[in-house]
């Protein structure tokens, strides 16, 4: 049987005609594919290859695209790199003079770097749980009516009981007055 995959919304950014060969860029894009955005930023920051700076710029642009879309309301740290690839671009052909009047070709290769981001599964589940918790239930209940007080019945006299009966109450001690000394007169 065929399985149906749900289409997740993605955001993409692309840099065209980057002055690096596609083969060198693919080595870097393979490292970040399937990773979370903070993890991909860390990998790119500590990579020693020059094309990692260009891939990092594309990743930063894709995160900015995701955060600026008003219909998505995505947080950059909750995203993951769904796809990252580098296609070949136009090759710039230059010639260099050589001995005996000859010329040799120099091929300056370019590439197109593409990065697509989507919300990670864990962040999507947490957001759905938070939305369900804050969302009021749509089920309406009939308003309950309290019975009207019966005004025809005579009010009953209520007796208020004191917490301690008066017979068991402790007498309050009076302060002693200072007694005059008898031997002074």
Protein backbone atom coordinates (compact mmCIF):
# COMPACT_ATOMS: atom_id res chain seq x y z
CA UNK A 1 0.00 0.00 0.00
CA UNK A 2 1.07 3.54 -0.62
CA UNK A 3 1.64 5.81 2.33
CA UNK A 4 0.52 9.38 2.26
CA UNK A 5 2.95 12.01 3.41
CA UNK A 6 1.59 15.26 4.69
CA UNK A 7 3.10 18.29 3.02
CA UNK A 8 4.83 20.49 5.59
CA UNK A 9 5.07 24.19 4.80
CA UNK A 10 8.64 25.18 4.05
CA UNK A 11 10.56 28.40 3.63
CA UNK A 12 13.52 28.62 1.30
CA UNK A 13 16.40 30.90 0.47
CA UNK A 14 18.74 30.70 -2.46
CA UNK A 15 22.05 32.31 -3.37
CA UNK A 16 22.91 32.27 -7.05
CA UNK A 17 26.27 32.48 -8.75
CA UNK A 18 28.32 31.91 -5.61
CA UNK A 19 31.99 31.89 -6.56
CA UNK A 20 32.76 28.36 -5.48
CA UNK A 21 32.47 25.05 -7.21
CA UNK A 22 29.34 23.02 -6.57
CA UNK A 23 31.42 20.09 -5.38
CA UNK A 24 32.98 22.13 -2.57
CA UNK A 25 29.61 23.56 -1.55
CA UNK A 26 28.00 20.11 -1.49
CA UNK A 27 30.50 18.98 1.13
CA UNK A 28 29.16 21.67 3.47
CA UNK A 29 25.46 21.37 2.63
CA UNK A 30 25.64 17.64 3.34
CA UNK A 31 26.78 18.44 6.88
CA UNK A 32 23.76 20.59 7.79
CA UNK A 33 20.96 18.70 6.03
CA UNK A 34 18.44 17.36 8.56
CA UNK A 35 19.86 19.34 11.49
CA UNK A 36 18.21 21.97 13.63
CA UNK A 37 19.03 25.60 12.87
CA UNK A 38 21.14 26.23 16.03
CA UNK A 39 23.10 23.04 15.38
CA UNK A 40 23.62 23.95 11.70
CA UNK A 41 24.85 27.42 12.68
CA UNK A 42 27.38 25.85 15.05
CA UNK A 43 28.63 23.47 12.37
CA UNK A 44 29.02 26.28 9.85
CA UNK A 45 30.73 28.58 12.35
CA UNK A 46 33.44 26.01 13.10
CA UNK A 47 33.92 24.78 9.53
CA UNK A 48 37.30 25.62 8.00
CA UNK A 49 36.04 25.84 4.42
CA UNK A 50 35.46 29.25 2.86
CA UNK A 51 32.17 28.27 1.25
CA UNK A 52 30.74 27.68 4.75
CA UNK A 53 30.38 31.48 5.12
CA UNK A 54 28.23 31.59 1.98
CA UNK A 55 26.08 28.68 3.18
CA UNK A 56 25.71 30.41 6.55
CA UNK A 57 24.46 33.56 4.81
CA UNK A 58 21.85 31.52 2.94
CA UNK A 59 20.79 29.81 6.19
CA UNK A 60 20.49 33.20 7.92
CA UNK A 61 18.38 34.50 5.02
CA UNK A 62 16.07 31.47 5.18
CA UNK A 63 15.55 31.97 8.94
CA UNK A 64 14.77 35.66 8.35
CA UNK A 65 12.26 34.67 5.65
CA UNK A 66 10.56 32.27 8.05
CA UNK A 67 10.36 34.77 10.90
CA UNK A 68 9.07 37.61 8.73
CA UNK A 69 6.13 35.73 7.22
CA UNK A 70 3.01 36.84 9.09
CA UNK A 71 1.00 33.72 8.26
CA UNK A 72 3.48 31.30 9.83
CA UNK A 73 4.72 32.93 13.09
CA UNK A 74 7.77 30.66 13.26
CA UNK A 75 10.64 30.98 15.72
CA UNK A 76 14.11 30.56 14.20
CA UNK A 77 15.31 28.16 16.89
CA UNK A 78 12.39 25.78 16.31
CA UNK A 79 13.25 25.20 12.64
CA UNK A 80 15.22 22.42 11.00
CA UNK A 81 17.00 22.22 7.66
CA UNK A 82 14.79 20.04 5.48
CA UNK A 83 16.85 20.28 2.29
CA UNK A 84 20.18 21.88 1.50
CA UNK A 85 21.84 21.46 -1.86
CA UNK A 86 24.23 23.14 -4.27
CA UNK A 87 23.63 23.08 -8.02
CA UNK A 88 26.13 24.04 -10.67
CA UNK A 89 25.94 27.56 -11.99
CA UNK A 90 27.45 29.23 -15.00
CA UNK A 91 31.17 28.68 -15.55
CA UNK A 92 33.18 31.83 -16.22
CA UNK A 93 35.84 31.15 -18.85
CA UNK A 94 39.04 33.12 -18.70
CA UNK A 95 42.32 32.66 -20.58
CA UNK A 96 45.87 32.99 -19.40
CA UNK A 97 48.81 33.53 -21.70
CA UNK A 98 51.35 30.74 -21.90
CA UNK A 99 54.69 30.17 -23.54
CA UNK A 100 55.18 30.43 -27.31
CA UNK A 101 52.06 32.50 -27.87
CA UNK A 102 49.63 29.97 -26.58
CA UNK A 103 46.76 30.45 -24.11
CA UNK A 104 45.31 28.10 -21.55
CA UNK A 105 41.73 28.19 -20.33
CA UNK A 106 40.80 28.92 -16.73
CA UNK A 107 37.33 27.83 -15.64
CA UNK A 108 35.92 29.81 -12.72
CA UNK A 109 33.02 27.76 -11.52
CA UNK A 110 29.93 29.04 -9.72
CA UNK A 111 27.08 27.36 -7.88
CA UNK A 112 23.55 28.01 -6.64
CA UNK A 113 23.08 27.22 -2.93
CA UNK A 114 19.53 26.45 -1.75
CA UNK A 115 18.36 25.91 1.84
CA UNK A 116 14.80 24.96 2.83
CA UNK A 117 13.54 25.14 6.42
CA UNK A 118 10.48 23.71 8.15
CA UNK A 119 9.26 23.50 11.72
CA UNK A 120 10.73 20.50 13.53
CA UNK A 121 8.35 17.72 14.58
CA UNK A 122 9.00 18.25 18.29
CA UNK A 123 8.35 22.00 18.07
CA UNK A 124 5.19 21.44 16.01
CA UNK A 125 3.86 18.96 18.58
CA UNK A 126 4.66 21.34 21.44
CA UNK A 127 2.96 24.24 19.64
CA UNK A 128 -0.13 22.13 18.96
CA UNK A 129 -0.31 21.09 22.61
CA UNK A 130 0.06 24.69 23.77
CA UNK A 131 -2.61 25.85 21.33
CA UNK A 132 -4.99 23.13 22.50
CA UNK A 133 -4.43 24.06 26.13
CA UNK A 134 -5.11 27.76 25.60
CA UNK A 135 -7.99 27.36 23.17
CA UNK A 136 -11.42 27.57 24.81
CA UNK A 137 -13.74 24.70 24.15
CA UNK A 138 -16.20 25.37 21.37
CA UNK A 139 -18.96 23.34 22.96
CA UNK A 140 -21.68 25.53 24.33
CA UNK A 141 -23.57 24.63 27.42
CA UNK A 142 -27.05 25.81 28.18
CA UNK A 143 -27.10 28.49 30.85
CA UNK A 144 -28.21 27.07 34.14
CA UNK A 145 -31.09 28.83 35.83
CA UNK A 146 -31.24 28.92 39.56
CA UNK A 147 -34.67 28.41 41.10
CA UNK A 148 -36.31 31.63 42.18
CA UNK A 149 -36.50 32.06 45.97
CA UNK A 150 -39.91 31.22 47.41
CA UNK A 151 -41.21 34.43 48.96
CA UNK A 152 -44.40 32.87 50.33
CA UNK A 153 -42.64 30.77 52.96
CA UNK A 154 -41.96 32.39 56.32
CA UNK A 155 -38.32 32.99 57.06
CA UNK A 156 -36.99 30.73 59.73
CA UNK A 157 -35.16 32.17 62.68
CA UNK A 158 -31.59 31.10 62.67
CA UNK A 159 -29.66 30.62 65.84
CA UNK A 160 -26.06 31.62 65.84
CA UNK A 161 -23.97 29.40 68.01
CA UNK A 162 -20.90 30.81 69.59
CA UNK A 163 -17.77 28.72 69.29
CA UNK A 164 -17.47 28.43 73.10
CA UNK A 165 -20.43 28.20 75.45
CA UNK A 166 -20.59 30.94 78.05
CA UNK A 167 -20.37 28.53 80.96
CA UNK A 168 -16.96 27.36 79.85
CA UNK A 169 -15.61 30.82 79.12
CA UNK A 170 -12.46 31.71 81.02
CA UNK A 171 -12.58 34.83 83.14
CA UNK A 172 -10.35 37.66 82.09
CA UNK A 173 -7.65 38.39 84.64
CA UNK A 174 -7.64 41.95 85.92
CA UNK A 175 -4.35 43.72 86.32
CA UNK A 176 -3.18 44.01 89.89
CA UNK A 177 -3.10 47.44 91.44
CA UNK A 178 0.10 48.40 93.22
CA UNK A 179 -0.35 48.06 96.98
CA UNK A 180 0.93 50.73 99.31
CA UNK A 181 3.44 49.71 101.83
CA UNK A 182 1.95 49.59 105.34
CA UNK A 183 4.98 50.39 107.42
CA UNK A 184 5.65 53.91 106.12
CA UNK A 185 3.13 55.99 108.06
